[in-house]
């Protein structure tokens, strides 16, 4: 009993029921539709969703404001805390 739900005997019974309900002519169309649906689902799952938040925040290089010692992003020209003019950035970004 612990071998799983989809044993070969079960699959044969399911196939027989499907053949009785849909008939052999419709079976190919059903398989084609299921395959196309799975292909579209996989393609949709692979495309990144921009509405989801990023898993890790981006790291921003910072420097210290000489006036108030607050951490300021490297590219900012003014301190966001005290408004001190930082001037040109040192180093490359």
PDB file of N, CA and C in Angstrom:
ATOM      1  N   UNK A   1       0.799  -1.193   0.000  1.00  0.00           N
ATOM      2  CA  UNK A   1       0.000   0.000   0.000  1.00  0.00           C
ATOM      3  C   UNK A   1       0.849   1.267   0.000  1.00  0.00           C
ATOM      4  N   UNK A   2       2.073   1.211   0.488  1.00  0.00           N
ATOM      5  CA  UNK A   2       2.900   2.392   0.605  1.00  0.00           C
ATOM      6  C   UNK A   2       3.714   2.681  -0.646  1.00  0.00           C
ATOM      7  N   UNK A   3       3.320   2.176  -1.799  1.00  0.00           N
ATOM      8  CA  UNK A   3       4.092   2.345  -3.022  1.00  0.00           C
ATOM      9  C   UNK A   3       3.743   3.605  -3.805  1.00  0.00           C
ATOM     10  N   UNK A   4       2.753   4.324  -3.408  1.00  0.00           N
ATOM     11  CA  UNK A   4       2.362   5.532  -4.125  1.00  0.00           C
ATOM     12  C   UNK A   4       1.014   5.384  -4.790  1.00  0.00           C
ATOM     13  N   UNK A   5       0.454   6.487  -5.181  1.00  0.00           N
ATOM     14  CA  UNK A   5      -0.898   6.498  -5.733  1.00  0.00           C
ATOM     15  C   UNK A   5      -0.924   6.175  -7.223  1.00  0.00           C
ATOM     16  N   UNK A   6       0.152   6.436  -7.943  1.00  0.00           N
ATOM     17  CA  UNK A   6       0.142   6.239  -9.393  1.00  0.00           C
ATOM     18  C   UNK A   6       0.925   4.991  -9.792  1.00  0.00           C
ATOM     19  N   UNK A   7       0.425   3.862  -9.394  1.00  0.00           N
ATOM     20  CA  UNK A   7       1.005   2.590  -9.791  1.00  0.00           C
ATOM     21  C   UNK A   7       0.551   2.275 -11.219  1.00  0.00           C
ATOM     22  N   UNK A   8       1.250   1.389 -11.929  1.00  0.00           N
ATOM     23  CA  UNK A   8       0.865   1.091 -13.319  1.00  0.00           C
ATOM     24  C   UNK A   8      -0.589   0.652 -13.480  1.00  0.00           C
ATOM     25  N   UNK A   9      -1.118  -0.116 -12.555  1.00  0.00           N
ATOM     26  CA  UNK A   9      -2.522  -0.538 -12.634  1.00  0.00           C
ATOM     27  C   UNK A   9      -3.471   0.650 -12.536  1.00  0.00           C
ATOM     28  N   UNK A  10      -3.138   1.598 -11.678  1.00  0.00           N
ATOM     29  CA  UNK A  10      -3.973   2.789 -11.541  1.00  0.00           C
ATOM     30  C   UNK A  10      -3.946   3.634 -12.812  1.00  0.00           C
ATOM     31  N   UNK A  11      -2.769   3.754 -13.403  1.00  0.00           N
ATOM     32  CA  UNK A  11      -2.648   4.540 -14.636  1.00  0.00           C
ATOM     33  C   UNK A  11      -3.451   3.929 -15.777  1.00  0.00           C
ATOM     34  N   UNK A  12      -3.469   2.596 -15.853  1.00  0.00           N
ATOM     35  CA  UNK A  12      -4.253   1.924 -16.900  1.00  0.00           C
ATOM     36  C   UNK A  12      -5.745   2.184 -16.706  1.00  0.00           C
ATOM     37  N   UNK A  13      -6.217   2.136 -15.474  1.00  0.00           N
ATOM     38  CA  UNK A  13      -7.636   2.394 -15.198  1.00  0.00           C
ATOM     39  C   UNK A  13      -7.977   3.849 -15.549  1.00  0.00           C
ATOM     40  N   UNK A  14      -7.107   4.784 -15.194  1.00  0.00           N
ATOM     41  CA  UNK A  14      -7.353   6.195 -15.514  1.00  0.00           C
ATOM     42  C   UNK A  14      -7.388   6.395 -17.020  1.00  0.00           C
ATOM     43  N   UNK A  15      -6.459   5.780 -17.756  1.00  0.00           N
ATOM     44  CA  UNK A  15      -6.443   5.894 -19.216  1.00  0.00           C
ATOM     45  C   UNK A  15      -7.709   5.310 -19.829  1.00  0.00           C
ATOM     46  N   UNK A  16      -8.175   4.191 -19.316  1.00  0.00           N
ATOM     47  CA  UNK A  16      -9.412   3.591 -19.834  1.00  0.00           C
ATOM     48  C   UNK A  16     -10.607   4.511 -19.604  1.00  0.00           C
ATOM     49  N   UNK A  17     -10.682   5.134 -18.442  1.00  0.00           N
ATOM     50  CA  UNK A  17     -11.794   6.049 -18.153  1.00  0.00           C
ATOM     51  C   UNK A  17     -11.737   7.263 -19.069  1.00  0.00           C
ATOM     52  N   UNK A  18     -10.535   7.809 -19.280  1.00  0.00           N
ATOM     53  CA  UNK A  18     -10.383   8.960 -20.168  1.00  0.00           C
ATOM     54  C   UNK A  18     -10.782   8.589 -21.595  1.00  0.00           C
ATOM     55  N   UNK A  19     -10.401   7.396 -22.063  1.00  0.00           N
ATOM     56  CA  UNK A  19     -10.784   6.951 -23.415  1.00  0.00           C
ATOM     57  C   UNK A  19     -12.295   6.805 -23.536  1.00  0.00           C
ATOM     58  N   UNK A  20     -12.960   6.314 -22.498  1.00  0.00           N
ATOM     59  CA  UNK A  20     -14.408   6.167 -22.548  1.00  0.00           C
ATOM     60  C   UNK A  20     -15.104   7.520 -22.579  1.00  0.00           C
ATOM     61  N   UNK A  21     -14.588   8.478 -21.829  1.00  0.00           N
ATOM     62  CA  UNK A  21     -15.238   9.780 -21.756  1.00  0.00           C
ATOM     63  C   UNK A  21     -15.017  10.590 -23.024  1.00  0.00           C
ATOM     64  N   UNK A  22     -13.759  10.698 -23.472  1.00  0.00           N
ATOM     65  CA  UNK A  22     -13.435  11.594 -24.585  1.00  0.00           C
ATOM     66  C   UNK A  22     -13.335  10.900 -25.938  1.00  0.00           C
ATOM     67  N   UNK A  23     -13.049   9.621 -25.953  1.00  0.00           N
ATOM     68  CA  UNK A  23     -12.878   8.911 -27.208  1.00  0.00           C
ATOM     69  C   UNK A  23     -11.448   9.055 -27.732  1.00  0.00           C
ATOM     70  N   UNK A  24     -11.030   8.144 -28.590  1.00  0.00           N
ATOM     71  CA  UNK A  24      -9.639   8.153 -29.066  1.00  0.00           C
ATOM     72  C   UNK A  24      -9.307   9.341 -29.968  1.00  0.00           C
ATOM     73  N   UNK A  25     -10.302   9.913 -30.651  1.00  0.00           N
ATOM     74  CA  UNK A  25     -10.030  11.037 -31.563  1.00  0.00           C
ATOM     75  C   UNK A  25      -9.703  12.322 -30.812  1.00  0.00           C
ATOM     76  N   UNK A  26     -10.352  12.520 -29.680  1.00  0.00           N
ATOM     77  CA  UNK A  26     -10.133  13.741 -28.903  1.00  0.00           C
ATOM     78  C   UNK A  26      -8.893  13.664 -28.019  1.00  0.00           C
ATOM     79  N   UNK A  27      -8.340  12.459 -27.814  1.00  0.00           N
ATOM     80  CA  UNK A  27      -7.214  12.287 -26.916  1.00  0.00           C
ATOM     81  C   UNK A  27      -5.986  13.078 -27.374  1.00  0.00           C
ATOM     82  N   UNK A  28      -5.720  13.120 -28.668  1.00  0.00           N
ATOM     83  CA  UNK A  28      -4.587  13.883 -29.198  1.00  0.00           C
ATOM     84  C   UNK A  28      -4.750  15.375 -28.977  1.00  0.00           C
ATOM     85  N   UNK A  29      -5.968  15.870 -29.176  1.00  0.00           N
ATOM     86  CA  UNK A  29      -6.230  17.299 -28.952  1.00  0.00           C
ATOM     87  C   UNK A  29      -6.058  17.684 -27.486  1.00  0.00           C
ATOM     88  N   UNK A  30      -6.490  16.788 -26.597  1.00  0.00           N
ATOM     89  CA  UNK A  30      -6.355  17.060 -25.167  1.00  0.00           C
ATOM     90  C   UNK A  30      -4.879  17.091 -24.776  1.00  0.00           C
ATOM     91  N   UNK A  31      -4.100  16.155 -25.281  1.00  0.00           N
ATOM     92  CA  UNK A  31      -2.658  16.134 -24.992  1.00  0.00           C
ATOM     93  C   UNK A  31      -1.956  17.368 -25.523  1.00  0.00           C
ATOM     94  N   UNK A  32      -2.334  17.791 -26.715  1.00  0.00           N
ATOM     95  CA  UNK A  32      -1.737  18.990 -27.310  1.00  0.00           C
ATOM     96  C   UNK A  32      -2.082  20.229 -26.489  1.00  0.00           C
ATOM     97  N   UNK A  33      -3.318  20.332 -26.036  1.00  0.00           N
ATOM     98  CA  UNK A  33      -3.735  21.478 -25.225  1.00  0.00           C
ATOM     99  C   UNK A  33      -3.018  21.485 -23.873  1.00  0.00           C
ATOM    100  N   UNK A  34      -2.878  20.312 -23.248  1.00  0.00           N
ATOM    101  CA  UNK A  34      -2.166  20.236 -21.972  1.00  0.00           C
ATOM    102  C   UNK A  34      -0.692  20.601 -22.143  1.00  0.00           C
ATOM    103  N   UNK A  35      -0.054  20.125 -23.209  1.00  0.00           N
ATOM    104  CA  UNK A  35       1.344  20.459 -23.465  1.00  0.00           C
ATOM    105  C   UNK A  35       1.543  21.945 -23.705  1.00  0.00           C
ATOM    106  N   UNK A  36       0.640  22.554 -24.478  1.00  0.00           N
ATOM    107  CA  UNK A  36       0.726  23.993 -24.726  1.00  0.00           C
ATOM    108  C   UNK A  36       0.521  24.801 -23.456  1.00  0.00           C
ATOM    109  N   UNK A  37      -0.402  24.340 -22.612  1.00  0.00           N
ATOM    110  CA  UNK A  37      -0.646  25.020 -21.350  1.00  0.00           C
ATOM    111  C   UNK A  37       0.558  24.952 -20.417  1.00  0.00           C
ATOM    112  N   UNK A  38       1.191  23.786 -20.349  1.00  0.00           N
ATOM    113  CA  UNK A  38       2.390  23.644 -19.523  1.00  0.00           C
ATOM    114  C   UNK A  38       3.534  24.499 -20.048  1.00  0.00           C
ATOM    115  N   UNK A  39       3.663  24.570 -21.371  1.00  0.00           N
ATOM    116  CA  UNK A  39       4.727  25.390 -21.972  1.00  0.00           C
ATOM    117  C   UNK A  39       4.528  26.861 -21.631  1.00  0.00           C
ATOM    118  N   UNK A  40       3.296  27.362 -21.732  1.00  0.00           N
ATOM    119  CA  UNK A  40       3.002  28.748 -21.390  1.00  0.00           C
ATOM    120  C   UNK A  40       3.213  29.015 -19.899  1.00  0.00           C
ATOM    121  N   UNK A  41       2.847  28.040 -19.065  1.00  0.00           N
ATOM    122  CA  UNK A  41       3.038  28.198 -17.627  1.00  0.00           C
ATOM    123  C   UNK A  41       4.525  28.305 -17.283  1.00  0.00           C
ATOM    124  N   UNK A  42       5.353  27.456 -17.868  1.00  0.00           N
ATOM    125  CA  UNK A  42       6.793  27.498 -17.610  1.00  0.00           C
ATOM    126  C   UNK A  42       7.398  28.798 -18.120  1.00  0.00           C
ATOM    127  N   UNK A  43       6.948  29.252 -19.296  1.00  0.00           N
ATOM    128  CA  UNK A  43       7.469  30.505 -19.837  1.00  0.00           C
ATOM    129  C   UNK A  43       7.083  31.672 -18.940  1.00  0.00           C
ATOM    130  N   UNK A  44       5.879  31.677 -18.409  1.00  0.00           N
ATOM    131  CA  UNK A  44       5.444  32.736 -17.509  1.00  0.00           C
ATOM    132  C   UNK A  44       6.161  32.686 -16.170  1.00  0.00           C
ATOM    133  N   UNK A  45       6.511  31.490 -15.718  1.00  0.00           N
ATOM    134  CA  UNK A  45       7.206  31.356 -14.436  1.00  0.00           C
ATOM    135  C   UNK A  45       8.664  31.780 -14.552  1.00  0.00           C
ATOM    136  N   UNK A  46       9.273  31.661 -15.731  1.00  0.00           N
ATOM    137  CA  UNK A  46      10.667  32.022 -15.918  1.00  0.00           C
ATOM    138  C   UNK A  46      10.872  33.523 -16.024  1.00  0.00           C
ATOM    139  N   UNK A  47       9.871  34.252 -16.476  1.00  0.00           N
ATOM    140  CA  UNK A  47      10.001  35.700 -16.625  1.00  0.00           C
ATOM    141  C   UNK A  47       9.956  36.336 -15.249  1.00  0.00           C
ATOM    142  N   UNK A  48      10.913  37.228 -14.950  1.00  0.00           N
ATOM    143  CA  UNK A  48      10.955  37.899 -13.654  1.00  0.00           C
ATOM    144  C   UNK A  48       9.789  38.858 -13.509  1.00  0.00           C
ATOM    145  N   UNK A  49       9.229  38.906 -12.339  1.00  0.00           N
ATOM    146  CA  UNK A  49       8.108  39.801 -12.058  1.00  0.00           C
ATOM    147  C   UNK A  49       8.647  41.035 -11.369  1.00  0.00           C
ATOM    148  N   UNK A  50       8.503  42.206 -11.993  1.00  0.00           N
ATOM    149  CA  UNK A  50       9.055  43.434 -11.434  1.00  0.00           C
ATOM    150  C   UNK A  50       8.263  43.924 -10.229  1.00  0.00           C
ATOM    151  N   UNK A  51       7.064  43.397  -9.991  1.00  0.00           N
ATOM    152  CA  UNK A  51       6.283  43.843  -8.849  1.00  0.00           C
ATOM    153  C   UNK A  51       6.734  43.175  -7.559  1.00  0.00           C
ATOM    154  N   UNK A  52       7.507  42.088  -7.665  1.00  0.00           N
ATOM    155  CA  UNK A  52       8.010  41.432  -6.471  1.00  0.00           C
ATOM    156  C   UNK A  52       9.228  42.172  -5.957  1.00  0.00           C
ATOM    157  N   UNK A  53       9.391  42.274  -4.646  1.00  0.00           N
ATOM    158  CA  UNK A  53      10.585  42.938  -4.113  1.00  0.00           C
ATOM    159  C   UNK A  53      11.821  42.090  -4.349  1.00  0.00           C
ATOM    160  N   UNK A  54      12.947  42.747  -4.436  1.00  0.00           N
ATOM    161  CA  UNK A  54      14.204  42.038  -4.629  1.00  0.00           C
ATOM    162  C   UNK A  54      14.504  41.221  -3.375  1.00  0.00           C
ATOM    163  N   UNK A  55      15.218  40.109  -3.550  1.00  0.00           N
ATOM    164  CA  UNK A  55      15.515  39.244  -2.419  1.00  0.00           C
ATOM    165  C   UNK A  55      16.561  39.861  -1.510  1.00  0.00           C
ATOM    166  N   UNK A  56      17.485  40.620  -2.075  1.00  0.00           N
ATOM    167  CA  UNK A  56      18.516  41.257  -1.261  1.00  0.00           C
ATOM    168  C   UNK A  56      18.600  42.733  -1.650  1.00  0.00           C
ATOM    169  N   UNK A  57      18.689  43.618  -0.679  1.00  0.00           N
ATOM    170  CA  UNK A  57      18.810  45.035  -1.014  1.00  0.00           C
ATOM    171  C   UNK A  57      20.161  45.310  -1.661  1.00  0.00           C
ATOM    172  N   UNK A  58      20.190  46.300  -2.543  1.00  0.00           N
ATOM    173  CA  UNK A  58      21.443  46.639  -3.198  1.00  0.00           C
ATOM    174  C   UNK A  58      22.346  47.372  -2.221  1.00  0.00           C
ATOM    175  N   UNK A  59      23.629  47.137  -2.350  1.00  0.00           N
ATOM    176  CA  UNK A  59      24.600  47.754  -1.467  1.00  0.00           C
ATOM    177  C   UNK A  59      25.014  49.090  -2.064  1.00  0.00           C
ATOM    178  N   UNK A  60      24.945  50.163  -1.263  1.00  0.00           N
ATOM    179  CA  UNK A  60      25.297  51.495  -1.718  1.00  0.00           C
ATOM    180  C   UNK A  60      26.567  51.920  -0.987  1.00  0.00           C
ATOM    181  N   UNK A  61      27.564  52.363  -1.763  1.00  0.00           N
ATOM    182  CA  UNK A  61      28.792  52.852  -1.154  1.00  0.00           C
ATOM    183  C   UNK A  61      28.501  54.159  -0.434  1.00  0.00           C
ATOM    184  N   UNK A  62      29.028  54.294   0.773  1.00  0.00           N
ATOM    185  CA  UNK A  62      28.779  55.494   1.562  1.00  0.00           C
ATOM    186  C   UNK A  62      30.086  56.145   1.982  1.00  0.00           C
ATOM    187  N   UNK A  63      29.969  57.383   2.395  1.00  0.00           N
ATOM    188  CA  UNK A  63      31.075  58.108   3.005  1.00  0.00           C
ATOM    189  C   UNK A  63      30.530  58.861   4.208  1.00  0.00           C
ATOM    190  N   UNK A  64      31.403  59.396   5.020  1.00  0.00           N
ATOM    191  CA  UNK A  64      30.994  60.071   6.244  1.00  0.00           C
ATOM    192  C   UNK A  64      30.969  61.581   6.031  1.00  0.00           C
ATOM    193  N   UNK A  65      29.909  62.212   6.492  1.00  0.00           N
ATOM    194  CA  UNK A  65      29.798  63.671   6.433  1.00  0.00           C
ATOM    195  C   UNK A  65      30.792  64.269   7.432  1.00  0.00           C
ATOM    196  N   UNK A  66      31.658  65.195   7.002  1.00  0.00           N
ATOM    197  CA  UNK A  66      32.626  65.783   7.938  1.00  0.00           C
ATOM    198  C   UNK A  66      31.976  66.695   8.981  1.00  0.00           C
ATOM    199  N   UNK A  67      30.756  67.138   8.735  1.00  0.00           N
ATOM    200  CA  UNK A  67      30.093  68.060   9.654  1.00  0.00           C
ATOM    201  C   UNK A  67      29.366  67.321  10.785  1.00  0.00           C
ATOM    202  N   UNK A  68      28.554  66.303  10.444  1.00  0.00           N
ATOM    203  CA  UNK A  68      27.735  65.631  11.461  1.00  0.00           C
ATOM    204  C   UNK A  68      28.063  64.147  11.630  1.00  0.00           C
ATOM    205  N   UNK A  69      28.993  63.623  10.846  1.00  0.00           N
ATOM    206  CA  UNK A  69      29.435  62.217  10.899  1.00  0.00           C
ATOM    207  C   UNK A  69      28.344  61.211  10.508  1.00  0.00           C
ATOM    208  N   UNK A  70      27.375  61.626   9.732  1.00  0.00           N
ATOM    209  CA  UNK A  70      26.322  60.730   9.247  1.00  0.00           C
ATOM    210  C   UNK A  70      26.814  60.004   8.002  1.00  0.00           C
ATOM    211  N   UNK A  71      26.292  58.799   7.764  1.00  0.00           N
ATOM    212  CA  UNK A  71      26.614  58.055   6.556  1.00  0.00           C
ATOM    213  C   UNK A  71      25.821  58.633   5.392  1.00  0.00           C
ATOM    214  N   UNK A  72      26.537  59.002   4.315  1.00  0.00           N
ATOM    215  CA  UNK A  72      25.925  59.635   3.146  1.00  0.00           C
ATOM    216  C   UNK A  72      26.293  58.809   1.921  1.00  0.00           C
ATOM    217  N   UNK A  73      25.339  58.522   1.011  1.00  0.00           N
ATOM    218  CA  UNK A  73      25.691  57.808  -0.210  1.00  0.00           C
ATOM    219  C   UNK A  73      26.817  58.516  -0.968  1.00  0.00           C
ATOM    220  N   UNK A  74      27.678  57.732  -1.584  1.00  0.00           N
ATOM    221  CA  UNK A  74      28.883  58.233  -2.233  1.00  0.00           C
ATOM    222  C   UNK A  74      28.588  59.310  -3.287  1.00  0.00           C
ATOM    223  N   UNK A  75      27.510  59.184  -4.032  1.00  0.00           N
ATOM    224  CA  UNK A  75      27.232  60.101  -5.146  1.00  0.00           C
ATOM    225  C   UNK A  75      26.511  61.385  -4.723  1.00  0.00           C
ATOM    226  N   UNK A  76      26.044  61.472  -3.467  1.00  0.00           N
ATOM    227  CA  UNK A  76      25.316  62.672  -3.023  1.00  0.00           C
ATOM    228  C   UNK A  76      26.258  63.870  -2.885  1.00  0.00           C
ATOM    229  N   UNK A  77      25.746  65.065  -3.219  1.00  0.00           N
ATOM    230  CA  UNK A  77      26.534  66.296  -3.111  1.00  0.00           C
ATOM    231  C   UNK A  77      26.286  67.017  -1.797  1.00  0.00           C
ATOM    232  N   UNK A  78      25.175  66.682  -1.119  1.00  0.00           N
ATOM    233  CA  UNK A  78      24.832  67.301   0.152  1.00  0.00           C
ATOM    234  C   UNK A  78      24.480  66.210   1.155  1.00  0.00           C
ATOM    235  N   UNK A  79      24.762  66.461   2.425  1.00  0.00           N
ATOM    236  CA  UNK A  79      24.401  65.535   3.494  1.00  0.00           C
ATOM    237  C   UNK A  79      22.887  65.576   3.680  1.00  0.00           C
ATOM    238  N   UNK A  80      22.262  64.414   3.783  1.00  0.00           N
ATOM    239  CA  UNK A  80      20.820  64.340   3.970  1.00  0.00           C
ATOM    240  C   UNK A  80      20.385  64.677   5.376  1.00  0.00           C
ATOM    241  N   UNK A  81      21.306  64.689   6.339  1.00  0.00           N
ATOM    242  CA  UNK A  81      20.974  64.963   7.727  1.00  0.00           C
ATOM    243  C   UNK A  81      21.116  66.448   8.048  1.00  0.00           C
ATOM    244  N   UNK A  82      22.305  67.009   7.733  1.00  0.00           N
ATOM    245  CA  UNK A  82      22.558  68.411   8.128  1.00  0.00           C
ATOM    246  C   UNK A  82      22.585  69.386   6.948  1.00  0.00           C
ATOM    247  N   UNK A  83      22.625  68.858   5.707  1.00  0.00           N
ATOM    248  CA  UNK A  83      22.624  69.726   4.532  1.00  0.00           C
ATOM    249  C   UNK A  83      23.992  70.268   4.151  1.00  0.00           C
ATOM    250  N   UNK A  84      25.030  69.769   4.759  1.00  0.00           N
ATOM    251  CA  UNK A  84      26.396  70.230   4.478  1.00  0.00           C
ATOM    252  C   UNK A  84      26.762  69.897   3.027  1.00  0.00           C
ATOM    253  N   UNK A  85      27.385  70.852   2.325  1.00  0.00           N
ATOM    254  CA  UNK A  85      27.833  70.632   0.940  1.00  0.00           C
ATOM    255  C   UNK A  85      29.075  69.753   0.979  1.00  0.00           C
ATOM    256  N   UNK A  86      28.978  68.589   0.365  1.00  0.00           N
ATOM    257  CA  UNK A  86      30.068  67.627   0.420  1.00  0.00           C
ATOM    258  C   UNK A  86      31.107  67.853  -0.657  1.00  0.00           C
ATOM    259  N   UNK A  87      30.775  68.510  -1.747  1.00  0.00           N
ATOM    260  CA  UNK A  87      31.727  68.734  -2.822  1.00  0.00           C
ATOM    261  C   UNK A  87      31.892  67.511  -3.689  1.00  0.00           C
ATOM    262  N   UNK A  88      33.032  67.410  -4.359  1.00  0.00           N
ATOM    263  CA  UNK A  88      33.302  66.306  -5.294  1.00  0.00           C
ATOM    264  C   UNK A  88      33.535  65.023  -4.523  1.00  0.00           C
ATOM    265  N   UNK A  89      33.113  63.900  -5.145  1.00  0.00           N
ATOM    266  CA  UNK A  89      33.323  62.590  -4.515  1.00  0.00           C
ATOM    267  C   UNK A  89      34.751  62.161  -4.739  1.00  0.00           C
ATOM    268  N   UNK A  90      35.303  61.484  -3.776  1.00  0.00           N
ATOM    269  CA  UNK A  90      36.669  60.973  -3.929  1.00  0.00           C
ATOM    270  C   UNK A  90      36.574  59.526  -4.365  1.00  0.00           C
ATOM    271  N   UNK A  91      37.379  59.129  -5.330  1.00  0.00           N
ATOM    272  CA  UNK A  91      37.370  57.770  -5.842  1.00  0.00           C
ATOM    273  C   UNK A  91      36.322  57.584  -6.923  1.00  0.00           C
ATOM    274  N   UNK A  92      36.240  56.354  -7.440  1.00  0.00           N
ATOM    275  CA  UNK A  92      35.285  56.049  -8.505  1.00  0.00           C
ATOM    276  C   UNK A  92      34.087  55.322  -7.906  1.00  0.00           C
ATOM    277  N   UNK A  93      32.963  55.435  -8.590  1.00  0.00           N
ATOM    278  CA  UNK A  93      31.724  54.805  -8.115  1.00  0.00           C
ATOM    279  C   UNK A  93      31.544  53.514  -8.847  1.00  0.00           C
TER     280      UNK A  93
END
